[in-house]
Amino acid sequence: MIEFAETASCRNFGITVLGSGSKGNSSVIHGTKGNFLLDAGFSAKELAARMEDRDIDPCSIQAILVTHAHQDHTKGCRVFGKKYNIPVYIQQETYLELKEHYEKYAPEEDVVLITPGSAFDCCGVHIEPFEISHDVAALAYIFQVEDHKIGYATDLGWMSPLVKRKLHDSQILILESNYDPVKLRNSGRPISTIRRIMGRQGHLSNDEAMSSLGDLITRNTRKIVFAHISQECNDRVLVNDLAMKQLADLNREDILVEIASQSTPLETMWMKV
């Protein structure tokens, strides 16, 4: 059973969601041997400010992991990585995509190529990247210290059997709940954009995120953070209400729910290990 810790220690493991949404995504993973970033979708200056807002020293970051090439996940990769002299872990297809379409965000050196399905360790954390369906090559991640597990998946068009298997039994789960279908259809966006978002290479709707919970949560699950909420086509209160209803239907009202914000970092979620 998971035991949450109130503060950091060298034997605690956790995550701080610095921000999530279409204008920027980044989280700090706190390992037993240091910290690293998952995505750097804000400027280097903004990343540092958000960390300091949660009493995290930017100099403590030892690496950047990338999910995919879109600028709301990579905007600070190059500058932050260079400023703090840290490696960027990225799959080759994503690195080439960055070089071709978002060159100013592509790291110049100290690039570590990773492969979906090939696990590695960083900062005392066992990390497993796995493929998800998006309109560019994209990864989700499992972070594990002993039997403590954090699952992280945003920017995916559908919950494939692989995704469900990997995220299953996460004590802390960060999951996309991007849009409300009615709001999206009434958004005035081009039909092609709406179809892309709703397709299998787009994003998860509220309904898709909530209906997946029965396959993901176990008796060990203690916290769910719903992330990458669309500011125009969703509502954070709506997501929270839907989540509470779904968890009540699953007889899991004990699970804590948070909704990630685009503008404000969440409090760090710690586990004792």
C-alpha atoms as a PDB file:
ATOM      1  CA  MET A   1       0.000   0.000   0.000  1.00  0.00           C
ATOM      2  CA  ILE A   2       1.275   3.440  -0.878  1.00  0.00           C
ATOM      3  CA  GLU A   3       2.314   5.743   1.962  1.00  0.00           C
ATOM      4  CA  PHE A   4       2.393   9.417   1.102  1.00  0.00           C
ATOM      5  CA  ALA A   5       5.169  11.574   2.519  1.00  0.00           C
ATOM      6  CA  GLU A   6       4.598  15.187   3.522  1.00  0.00           C
ATOM      7  CA  THR A   7       8.098  16.429   2.664  1.00  0.00           C
ATOM      8  CA  ALA A   8      11.109  15.490   0.577  1.00  0.00           C
ATOM      9  CA  SER A   9      13.897  13.229   1.758  1.00  0.00           C
ATOM     10  CA  CYS A  10      16.634  11.247   0.054  1.00  0.00           C
ATOM     11  CA  ARG A  11      14.367   8.190   0.204  1.00  0.00           C
ATOM     12  CA  ASN A  12      11.209   9.808  -1.146  1.00  0.00           C
ATOM     13  CA  PHE A  13       9.910   9.577  -4.684  1.00  0.00           C
ATOM     14  CA  GLY A  14       7.449  11.954  -6.296  1.00  0.00           C
ATOM     15  CA  ILE A  15       6.310  14.323  -8.998  1.00  0.00           C
ATOM     16  CA  THR A  16       5.633  18.039  -9.295  1.00  0.00           C
ATOM     17  CA  VAL A  17       3.444  19.029 -12.233  1.00  0.00           C
ATOM     18  CA  LEU A  18       4.791  22.467 -13.158  1.00  0.00           C
ATOM     19  CA  GLY A  19       2.021  23.109 -15.678  1.00  0.00           C
ATOM     20  CA  SER A  20      -0.025  21.309 -18.295  1.00  0.00           C
ATOM     21  CA  GLY A  21      -2.030  22.446 -21.294  1.00  0.00           C
ATOM     22  CA  SER A  22      -1.717  23.558 -24.899  1.00  0.00           C
ATOM     23  CA  LYS A  23       0.588  26.455 -23.923  1.00  0.00           C
ATOM     24  CA  GLY A  24       3.175  24.402 -22.062  1.00  0.00           C
ATOM     25  CA  ASN A  25       3.823  21.118 -20.259  1.00  0.00           C
ATOM     26  CA  SER A  26       6.502  20.129 -17.794  1.00  0.00           C
ATOM     27  CA  SER A  27       6.883  18.093 -14.615  1.00  0.00           C
ATOM     28  CA  VAL A  28       9.715  17.394 -12.210  1.00  0.00           C
ATOM     29  CA  ILE A  29      10.272  13.757 -11.269  1.00  0.00           C
ATOM     30  CA  HIS A  30      11.914  13.492  -7.868  1.00  0.00           C
ATOM     31  CA  GLY A  31      14.062  10.357  -7.630  1.00  0.00           C
ATOM     32  CA  THR A  32      15.981   8.932  -4.725  1.00  0.00           C
ATOM     33  CA  LYS A  33      19.230  10.192  -6.288  1.00  0.00           C
ATOM     34  CA  GLY A  34      18.158  13.505  -7.815  1.00  0.00           C
ATOM     35  CA  ASN A  35      15.578  15.244  -9.988  1.00  0.00           C
ATOM     36  CA  PHE A  36      14.844  15.349 -13.713  1.00  0.00           C
ATOM     37  CA  LEU A  37      12.333  17.041 -15.992  1.00  0.00           C
ATOM     38  CA  LEU A  38       9.646  15.326 -17.980  1.00  0.00           C
ATOM     39  CA  ASP A  39       9.198  17.707 -20.926  1.00  0.00           C
ATOM     40  CA  ALA A  40      10.304  21.339 -20.981  1.00  0.00           C
ATOM     41  CA  GLY A  41       7.394  23.095 -22.644  1.00  0.00           C
ATOM     42  CA  PHE A  42       8.046  26.514 -21.119  1.00  0.00           C
ATOM     43  CA  SER A  43      10.961  28.880 -21.600  1.00  0.00           C
ATOM     44  CA  ALA A  44      14.033  28.185 -19.482  1.00  0.00           C
ATOM     45  CA  LYS A  45      13.253  31.286 -17.413  1.00  0.00           C
ATOM     46  CA  GLU A  46       9.665  30.193 -16.822  1.00  0.00           C
ATOM     47  CA  LEU A  47      10.724  26.648 -15.953  1.00  0.00           C
ATOM     48  CA  ALA A  48      13.115  27.953 -13.314  1.00  0.00           C
ATOM     49  CA  ALA A  49      10.472  30.311 -11.900  1.00  0.00           C
ATOM     50  CA  ARG A  50       7.907  27.527 -11.613  1.00  0.00           C
ATOM     51  CA  MET A  51      10.413  25.253  -9.889  1.00  0.00           C
ATOM     52  CA  GLU A  52      11.384  27.966  -7.441  1.00  0.00           C
ATOM     53  CA  ASP A  53       7.683  28.506  -6.735  1.00  0.00           C
ATOM     54  CA  ARG A  54       7.656  24.926  -5.425  1.00  0.00           C
ATOM     55  CA  ASP A  55      11.020  25.203  -3.611  1.00  0.00           C
ATOM     56  CA  ILE A  56      12.846  23.158  -6.252  1.00  0.00           C
ATOM     57  CA  ASP A  57      16.369  24.271  -7.107  1.00  0.00           C
ATOM     58  CA  PRO A  58      16.719  24.358 -10.920  1.00  0.00           C
ATOM     59  CA  CYS A  59      20.357  23.313 -10.426  1.00  0.00           C
ATOM     60  CA  SER A  60      19.078  20.022  -8.994  1.00  0.00           C
ATOM     61  CA  ILE A  61      17.746  18.945 -12.412  1.00  0.00           C
ATOM     62  CA  GLN A  62      20.019  16.277 -13.882  1.00  0.00           C
ATOM     63  CA  ALA A  63      18.258  15.473 -17.173  1.00  0.00           C
ATOM     64  CA  ILE A  64      15.308  16.267 -19.451  1.00  0.00           C
ATOM     65  CA  LEU A  65      13.056  13.522 -20.826  1.00  0.00           C
ATOM     66  CA  VAL A  66      10.921  14.325 -23.867  1.00  0.00           C
ATOM     67  CA  THR A  67       7.529  12.877 -24.777  1.00  0.00           C
ATOM     68  CA  HIS A  68       7.259  14.337 -28.301  1.00  0.00           C
ATOM     69  CA  ALA A  69       8.369  17.215 -30.506  1.00  0.00           C
ATOM     70  CA  HIS A  70       5.508  19.697 -30.222  1.00  0.00           C
ATOM     71  CA  GLN A  71       6.658  23.039 -28.857  1.00  0.00           C
ATOM     72  CA  ASP A  72       4.346  22.940 -25.828  1.00  0.00           C
ATOM     73  CA  HIS A  73       6.575  20.076 -24.657  1.00  0.00           C
ATOM     74  CA  THR A  74       9.979  21.172 -25.963  1.00  0.00           C
ATOM     75  CA  LYS A  75      10.147  24.981 -25.884  1.00  0.00           C
ATOM     76  CA  GLY A  76      12.801  25.072 -23.159  1.00  0.00           C
ATOM     77  CA  CYS A  77      14.758  21.930 -24.053  1.00  0.00           C
ATOM     78  CA  ARG A  78      17.661  23.580 -25.799  1.00  0.00           C
ATOM     79  CA  VAL A  79      18.204  26.594 -23.557  1.00  0.00           C
ATOM     80  CA  PHE A  80      17.513  24.907 -20.216  1.00  0.00           C
ATOM     81  CA  GLY A  81      19.604  21.863 -21.133  1.00  0.00           C
ATOM     82  CA  LYS A  82      22.512  24.041 -22.216  1.00  0.00           C
ATOM     83  CA  LYS A  83      22.271  26.412 -19.245  1.00  0.00           C
ATOM     84  CA  TYR A  84      22.370  23.598 -16.684  1.00  0.00           C
ATOM     85  CA  ASN A  85      24.626  21.316 -18.729  1.00  0.00           C
ATOM     86  CA  ILE A  86      22.307  18.327 -18.613  1.00  0.00           C
ATOM     87  CA  PRO A  87      21.466  15.589 -21.127  1.00  0.00           C
ATOM     88  CA  VAL A  88      18.218  15.367 -23.075  1.00  0.00           C
ATOM     89  CA  TYR A  89      16.705  11.879 -23.376  1.00  0.00           C
ATOM     90  CA  ILE A  90      14.727  11.630 -26.594  1.00  0.00           C
ATOM     91  CA  GLN A  91      13.792   9.062 -29.202  1.00  0.00           C
ATOM     92  CA  GLN A  92      15.485   9.446 -32.574  1.00  0.00           C
ATOM     93  CA  GLU A  93      12.307  10.140 -34.534  1.00  0.00           C
ATOM     94  CA  THR A  94      11.398  12.939 -32.143  1.00  0.00           C
ATOM     95  CA  TYR A  95      14.891  14.412 -32.315  1.00  0.00           C
ATOM     96  CA  LEU A  96      14.757  14.481 -36.115  1.00  0.00           C
ATOM     97  CA  GLU A  97      11.292  16.050 -35.984  1.00  0.00           C
ATOM     98  CA  LEU A  98      12.641  18.767 -33.699  1.00  0.00           C
ATOM     99  CA  LYS A  99      15.601  19.433 -35.990  1.00  0.00           C
ATOM    100  CA  GLU A 100      13.319  19.740 -39.019  1.00  0.00           C
ATOM    101  CA  HIS A 101      10.334  21.659 -37.651  1.00  0.00           C
ATOM    102  CA  TYR A 102      11.338  23.169 -34.282  1.00  0.00           C
ATOM    103  CA  GLU A 103      15.075  23.608 -34.698  1.00  0.00           C
ATOM    104  CA  LYS A 104      15.396  26.433 -32.159  1.00  0.00           C
ATOM    105  CA  TYR A 105      14.175  24.043 -29.447  1.00  0.00           C
ATOM    106  CA  ALA A 106      16.373  21.096 -30.454  1.00  0.00           C
ATOM    107  CA  PRO A 107      19.251  20.328 -28.061  1.00  0.00           C
ATOM    108  CA  GLU A 108      22.640  21.041 -29.587  1.00  0.00           C
ATOM    109  CA  GLU A 109      24.628  18.393 -27.729  1.00  0.00           C
ATOM    110  CA  ASP A 110      24.474  15.817 -24.928  1.00  0.00           C
ATOM    111  CA  VAL A 111      21.566  13.964 -26.525  1.00  0.00           C
ATOM    112  CA  VAL A 112      20.761  10.470 -25.256  1.00  0.00           C
ATOM    113  CA  LEU A 113      18.674   8.459 -27.720  1.00  0.00           C
ATOM    114  CA  ILE A 114      16.054   6.214 -26.150  1.00  0.00           C
ATOM    115  CA  THR A 115      13.819   3.535 -27.628  1.00  0.00           C
ATOM    116  CA  PRO A 116      10.192   2.731 -26.789  1.00  0.00           C
ATOM    117  CA  GLY A 117      10.087  -0.443 -24.709  1.00  0.00           C
ATOM    118  CA  SER A 118      13.732  -0.186 -23.635  1.00  0.00           C
ATOM    119  CA  ALA A 119      13.929   0.761 -19.963  1.00  0.00           C
ATOM    120  CA  PHE A 120      16.722   2.759 -18.375  1.00  0.00           C
ATOM    121  CA  ASP A 121      17.555   4.348 -15.024  1.00  0.00           C
ATOM    122  CA  CYS A 122      18.001   7.997 -14.058  1.00  0.00           C
ATOM    123  CA  CYS A 123      18.278   9.613 -10.608  1.00  0.00           C
ATOM    124  CA  GLY A 124      17.449   6.351  -8.880  1.00  0.00           C
ATOM    125  CA  VAL A 125      14.254   5.891 -10.933  1.00  0.00           C
ATOM    126  CA  HIS A 126      13.555   2.981 -13.275  1.00  0.00           C
ATOM    127  CA  ILE A 127      12.039   4.502 -16.415  1.00  0.00           C
ATOM    128  CA  GLU A 128      10.089   2.757 -19.139  1.00  0.00           C
ATOM    129  CA  PRO A 129       9.062   4.730 -22.242  1.00  0.00           C
ATOM    130  CA  PHE A 130       6.301   3.281 -24.404  1.00  0.00           C
ATOM    131  CA  GLU A 131       4.552   4.313 -27.602  1.00  0.00           C
ATOM    132  CA  ILE A 132       1.265   6.155 -27.732  1.00  0.00           C
ATOM    133  CA  SER A 133      -0.833   7.228 -30.709  1.00  0.00           C
ATOM    134  CA  HIS A 134      -0.480  10.914 -31.629  1.00  0.00           C
ATOM    135  CA  ASP A 135       0.040  12.893 -34.839  1.00  0.00           C
ATOM    136  CA  VAL A 136       3.812  12.726 -34.308  1.00  0.00           C
ATOM    137  CA  ALA A 137       5.976  10.055 -32.703  1.00  0.00           C
ATOM    138  CA  ALA A 138       5.133  10.220 -29.008  1.00  0.00           C
ATOM    139  CA  LEU A 139       5.920   8.476 -25.748  1.00  0.00           C
ATOM    140  CA  ALA A 140       4.275   7.965 -22.394  1.00  0.00           C
ATOM    141  CA  TYR A 141       6.283   6.871 -19.371  1.00  0.00           C
ATOM    142  CA  ILE A 142       6.262   4.660 -16.326  1.00  0.00           C
ATOM    143  CA  PHE A 143       8.478   5.787 -13.442  1.00  0.00           C
ATOM    144  CA  GLN A 144       9.207   3.248 -10.753  1.00  0.00           C
ATOM    145  CA  VAL A 145      11.194   3.008  -7.513  1.00  0.00           C
ATOM    146  CA  GLU A 146      10.916  -0.459  -5.995  1.00  0.00           C
ATOM    147  CA  ASP A 147       7.155  -1.180  -5.992  1.00  0.00           C
ATOM    148  CA  HIS A 148       6.146   2.491  -6.183  1.00  0.00           C
ATOM    149  CA  LYS A 149       4.877   3.527  -9.599  1.00  0.00           C
ATOM    150  CA  ILE A 150       3.938   6.758 -11.357  1.00  0.00           C
ATOM    151  CA  GLY A 151       2.209   6.507 -14.728  1.00  0.00           C
ATOM    152  CA  TYR A 152       2.186   9.485 -17.103  1.00  0.00           C
ATOM    153  CA  ALA A 153       0.289   9.671 -20.403  1.00  0.00           C
ATOM    154  CA  THR A 154      -0.923  12.759 -22.267  1.00  0.00           C
ATOM    155  CA  ASP A 155      -1.274  13.623 -25.968  1.00  0.00           C
ATOM    156  CA  LEU A 156      -2.719  10.285 -27.015  1.00  0.00           C
ATOM    157  CA  GLY A 157      -5.613   9.623 -29.320  1.00  0.00           C
ATOM    158  CA  TRP A 158      -6.827   6.401 -27.738  1.00  0.00           C
ATOM    159  CA  MET A 159      -6.271   4.042 -24.837  1.00  0.00           C
ATOM    160  CA  SER A 160      -4.608   1.129 -26.597  1.00  0.00           C
ATOM    161  CA  PRO A 161      -4.201  -2.236 -24.836  1.00  0.00           C
ATOM    162  CA  LEU A 162      -0.502  -1.396 -24.405  1.00  0.00           C
ATOM    163  CA  VAL A 163      -1.289   1.907 -22.693  1.00  0.00           C
ATOM    164  CA  LYS A 164      -3.811   0.273 -20.364  1.00  0.00           C
ATOM    165  CA  ARG A 165      -1.357  -2.471 -19.459  1.00  0.00           C
ATOM    166  CA  LYS A 166       1.463  -0.055 -18.730  1.00  0.00           C
ATOM    167  CA  LEU A 167      -0.573   2.446 -16.702  1.00  0.00           C
ATOM    168  CA  HIS A 168      -2.376  -0.254 -14.732  1.00  0.00           C
ATOM    169  CA  ASP A 169      -1.615  -0.265 -11.003  1.00  0.00           C
ATOM    170  CA  SER A 170       0.019   3.170 -10.852  1.00  0.00           C
ATOM    171  CA  GLN A 171      -0.120   4.640  -7.357  1.00  0.00           C
ATOM    172  CA  ILE A 172      -0.015   8.116  -8.893  1.00  0.00           C
ATOM    173  CA  LEU A 173      -1.547   8.445 -12.358  1.00  0.00           C
ATOM    174  CA  ILE A 174      -1.255  11.506 -14.588  1.00  0.00           C
ATOM    175  CA  LEU A 175      -3.729  11.127 -17.442  1.00  0.00           C
ATOM    176  CA  GLU A 176      -4.933  13.381 -20.224  1.00  0.00           C
ATOM    177  CA  SER A 177      -8.547  14.564 -20.224  1.00  0.00           C
ATOM    178  CA  ASN A 178      -8.251  17.074 -23.025  1.00  0.00           C
ATOM    179  CA  TYR A 179     -11.670  18.084 -24.294  1.00  0.00           C
ATOM    180  CA  ASP A 180     -15.418  17.978 -23.923  1.00  0.00           C
ATOM    181  CA  PRO A 181     -16.853  16.775 -27.275  1.00  0.00           C
ATOM    182  CA  VAL A 182     -19.735  19.256 -27.267  1.00  0.00           C
ATOM    183  CA  LYS A 183     -17.473  22.204 -26.501  1.00  0.00           C
ATOM    184  CA  LEU A 184     -15.030  21.069 -29.173  1.00  0.00           C
ATOM    185  CA  ARG A 185     -17.722  20.732 -31.845  1.00  0.00           C
ATOM    186  CA  ASN A 186     -19.063  24.185 -30.960  1.00  0.00           C
ATOM    187  CA  SER A 187     -15.621  25.794 -30.777  1.00  0.00           C
ATOM    188  CA  GLY A 188     -15.658  27.265 -34.260  1.00  0.00           C
ATOM    189  CA  ARG A 189     -12.453  25.450 -35.129  1.00  0.00           C
ATOM    190  CA  PRO A 190     -12.036  24.036 -38.655  1.00  0.00           C
ATOM    191  CA  ILE A 191     -13.638  20.640 -39.189  1.00  0.00           C
ATOM    192  CA  SER A 192     -10.242  19.178 -40.065  1.00  0.00           C
ATOM    193  CA  THR A 193      -8.841  20.298 -36.691  1.00  0.00           C
ATOM    194  CA  ILE A 194     -11.830  18.908 -34.804  1.00  0.00           C
ATOM    195  CA  ARG A 195     -11.503  15.577 -36.581  1.00  0.00           C
ATOM    196  CA  ARG A 196      -7.780  15.438 -35.857  1.00  0.00           C
ATOM    197  CA  ILE A 197      -8.277  16.112 -32.136  1.00  0.00           C
ATOM    198  CA  MET A 198     -11.061  13.542 -31.890  1.00  0.00           C
ATOM    199  CA  GLY A 199      -9.230  10.927 -33.950  1.00  0.00           C
ATOM    200  CA  ARG A 200      -6.918   8.145 -32.867  1.00  0.00           C
ATOM    201  CA  GLN A 201      -3.898  10.384 -33.409  1.00  0.00           C
ATOM    202  CA  GLY A 202      -5.346  13.260 -31.445  1.00  0.00           C
ATOM    203  CA  HIS A 203      -6.259  13.646 -27.787  1.00  0.00           C
ATOM    204  CA  LEU A 204      -8.359  11.883 -25.158  1.00  0.00           C
ATOM    205  CA  SER A 205     -11.795  13.286 -24.443  1.00  0.00           C
ATOM    206  CA  ASN A 206     -13.215  13.526 -20.945  1.00  0.00           C
ATOM    207  CA  ASP A 207     -15.444  10.530 -21.640  1.00  0.00           C
ATOM    208  CA  GLU A 208     -12.542   8.414 -22.907  1.00  0.00           C
ATOM    209  CA  ALA A 209     -10.363   9.314 -19.947  1.00  0.00           C
ATOM    210  CA  MET A 210     -13.062   8.540 -17.398  1.00  0.00           C
ATOM    211  CA  SER A 211     -14.182   5.291 -19.015  1.00  0.00           C
ATOM    212  CA  SER A 212     -10.599   4.013 -18.934  1.00  0.00           C
ATOM    213  CA  LEU A 213     -10.266   4.306 -15.161  1.00  0.00           C
ATOM    214  CA  GLY A 214     -11.835   0.925 -14.486  1.00  0.00           C
ATOM    215  CA  ASP A 215      -8.988  -0.689 -16.441  1.00  0.00           C
ATOM    216  CA  LEU A 216      -6.266   1.403 -14.831  1.00  0.00           C
ATOM    217  CA  ILE A 217      -6.869   1.759 -11.124  1.00  0.00           C
ATOM    218  CA  THR A 218      -6.219  -0.925  -8.523  1.00  0.00           C
ATOM    219  CA  ARG A 219      -6.334  -1.074  -4.735  1.00  0.00           C
ATOM    220  CA  ASN A 220      -2.884   0.576  -4.818  1.00  0.00           C
ATOM    221  CA  THR A 221      -4.023   3.666  -6.744  1.00  0.00           C
ATOM    222  CA  ARG A 222      -4.136   6.680  -4.452  1.00  0.00           C
ATOM    223  CA  LYS A 223      -4.045   9.775  -6.650  1.00  0.00           C
ATOM    224  CA  ILE A 224      -5.069  10.763 -10.190  1.00  0.00           C
ATOM    225  CA  VAL A 225      -4.096  14.027 -11.873  1.00  0.00           C
ATOM    226  CA  PHE A 226      -6.050  14.907 -15.000  1.00  0.00           C
ATOM    227  CA  ALA A 227      -3.826  16.905 -17.340  1.00  0.00           C
ATOM    228  CA  HIS A 228      -3.571  18.722 -20.686  1.00  0.00           C
ATOM    229  CA  ILE A 229      -7.000  20.282 -20.196  1.00  0.00           C
ATOM    230  CA  SER A 230      -8.042  22.411 -23.171  1.00  0.00           C
ATOM    231  CA  GLN A 231      -8.672  26.000 -22.100  1.00  0.00           C
ATOM    232  CA  GLU A 232     -11.158  26.602 -24.923  1.00  0.00           C
ATOM    233  CA  CYS A 233     -12.840  23.206 -25.239  1.00  0.00           C
ATOM    234  CA  ASN A 234     -13.003  21.961 -21.681  1.00  0.00           C
ATOM    235  CA  ASP A 235     -13.625  23.045 -18.108  1.00  0.00           C
ATOM    236  CA  ARG A 236     -11.571  22.036 -15.067  1.00  0.00           C
ATOM    237  CA  VAL A 237     -14.674  21.952 -12.833  1.00  0.00           C
ATOM    238  CA  LEU A 238     -16.415  19.679 -15.338  1.00  0.00           C
ATOM    239  CA  VAL A 239     -13.423  17.311 -15.409  1.00  0.00           C
ATOM    240  CA  ASN A 240     -13.358  17.159 -11.625  1.00  0.00           C
ATOM    241  CA  ASP A 241     -17.101  16.460 -11.432  1.00  0.00           C
ATOM    242  CA  LEU A 242     -16.888  13.708 -14.049  1.00  0.00           C
ATOM    243  CA  ALA A 243     -13.936  12.131 -12.249  1.00  0.00           C
ATOM    244  CA  MET A 244     -15.676  12.137  -8.883  1.00  0.00           C
ATOM    245  CA  LYS A 245     -18.783  10.544 -10.405  1.00  0.00           C
ATOM    246  CA  GLN A 246     -16.751   7.870 -12.181  1.00  0.00           C
ATOM    247  CA  LEU A 247     -14.759   7.016  -9.056  1.00  0.00           C
ATOM    248  CA  ALA A 248     -17.951   6.860  -7.013  1.00  0.00           C
ATOM    249  CA  ASP A 249     -19.382   4.411  -9.561  1.00  0.00           C
ATOM    250  CA  LEU A 250     -16.199   2.347  -9.107  1.00  0.00           C
ATOM    251  CA  ASN A 251     -16.511   2.547  -5.300  1.00  0.00           C
ATOM    252  CA  ARG A 252     -13.174   4.377  -5.148  1.00  0.00           C
ATOM    253  CA  GLU A 253     -14.048   7.675  -3.537  1.00  0.00           C
ATOM    254  CA  ASP A 254     -10.859   7.258  -1.491  1.00  0.00           C
ATOM    255  CA  ILE A 255      -8.735   8.197  -4.530  1.00  0.00           C
ATOM    256  CA  LEU A 256      -7.556  11.803  -4.470  1.00  0.00           C
ATOM    257  CA  VAL A 257      -8.211  13.802  -7.654  1.00  0.00           C
ATOM    258  CA  GLU A 258      -6.398  16.904  -8.877  1.00  0.00           C
ATOM    259  CA  ILE A 259      -6.755  18.880 -12.087  1.00  0.00           C
ATOM    260  CA  ALA A 260      -3.505  20.184 -13.546  1.00  0.00           C
ATOM    261  CA  SER A 261      -3.373  23.903 -14.299  1.00  0.00           C
ATOM    262  CA  GLN A 262      -1.795  25.667 -17.237  1.00  0.00           C
ATOM    263  CA  SER A 263      -0.708  28.592 -15.097  1.00  0.00           C
ATOM    264  CA  THR A 264       0.115  27.275 -11.618  1.00  0.00           C
ATOM    265  CA  PRO A 265       2.279  24.325 -10.502  1.00  0.00           C
ATOM    266  CA  LEU A 266       0.623  21.686  -8.345  1.00  0.00           C
ATOM    267  CA  GLU A 267       1.940  20.815  -4.923  1.00  0.00           C
ATOM    268  CA  THR A 268       4.524  18.034  -5.061  1.00  0.00           C
ATOM    269  CA  MET A 269       3.117  14.537  -4.619  1.00  0.00           C
ATOM    270  CA  TRP A 270       5.479  12.408  -2.529  1.00  0.00           C
ATOM    271  CA  MET A 271       5.664   8.699  -1.761  1.00  0.00           C
ATOM    272  CA  LYS A 272       7.814   7.119   0.931  1.00  0.00           C
ATOM    273  CA  VAL A 273      10.078   4.383  -0.429  1.00  0.00           C
END
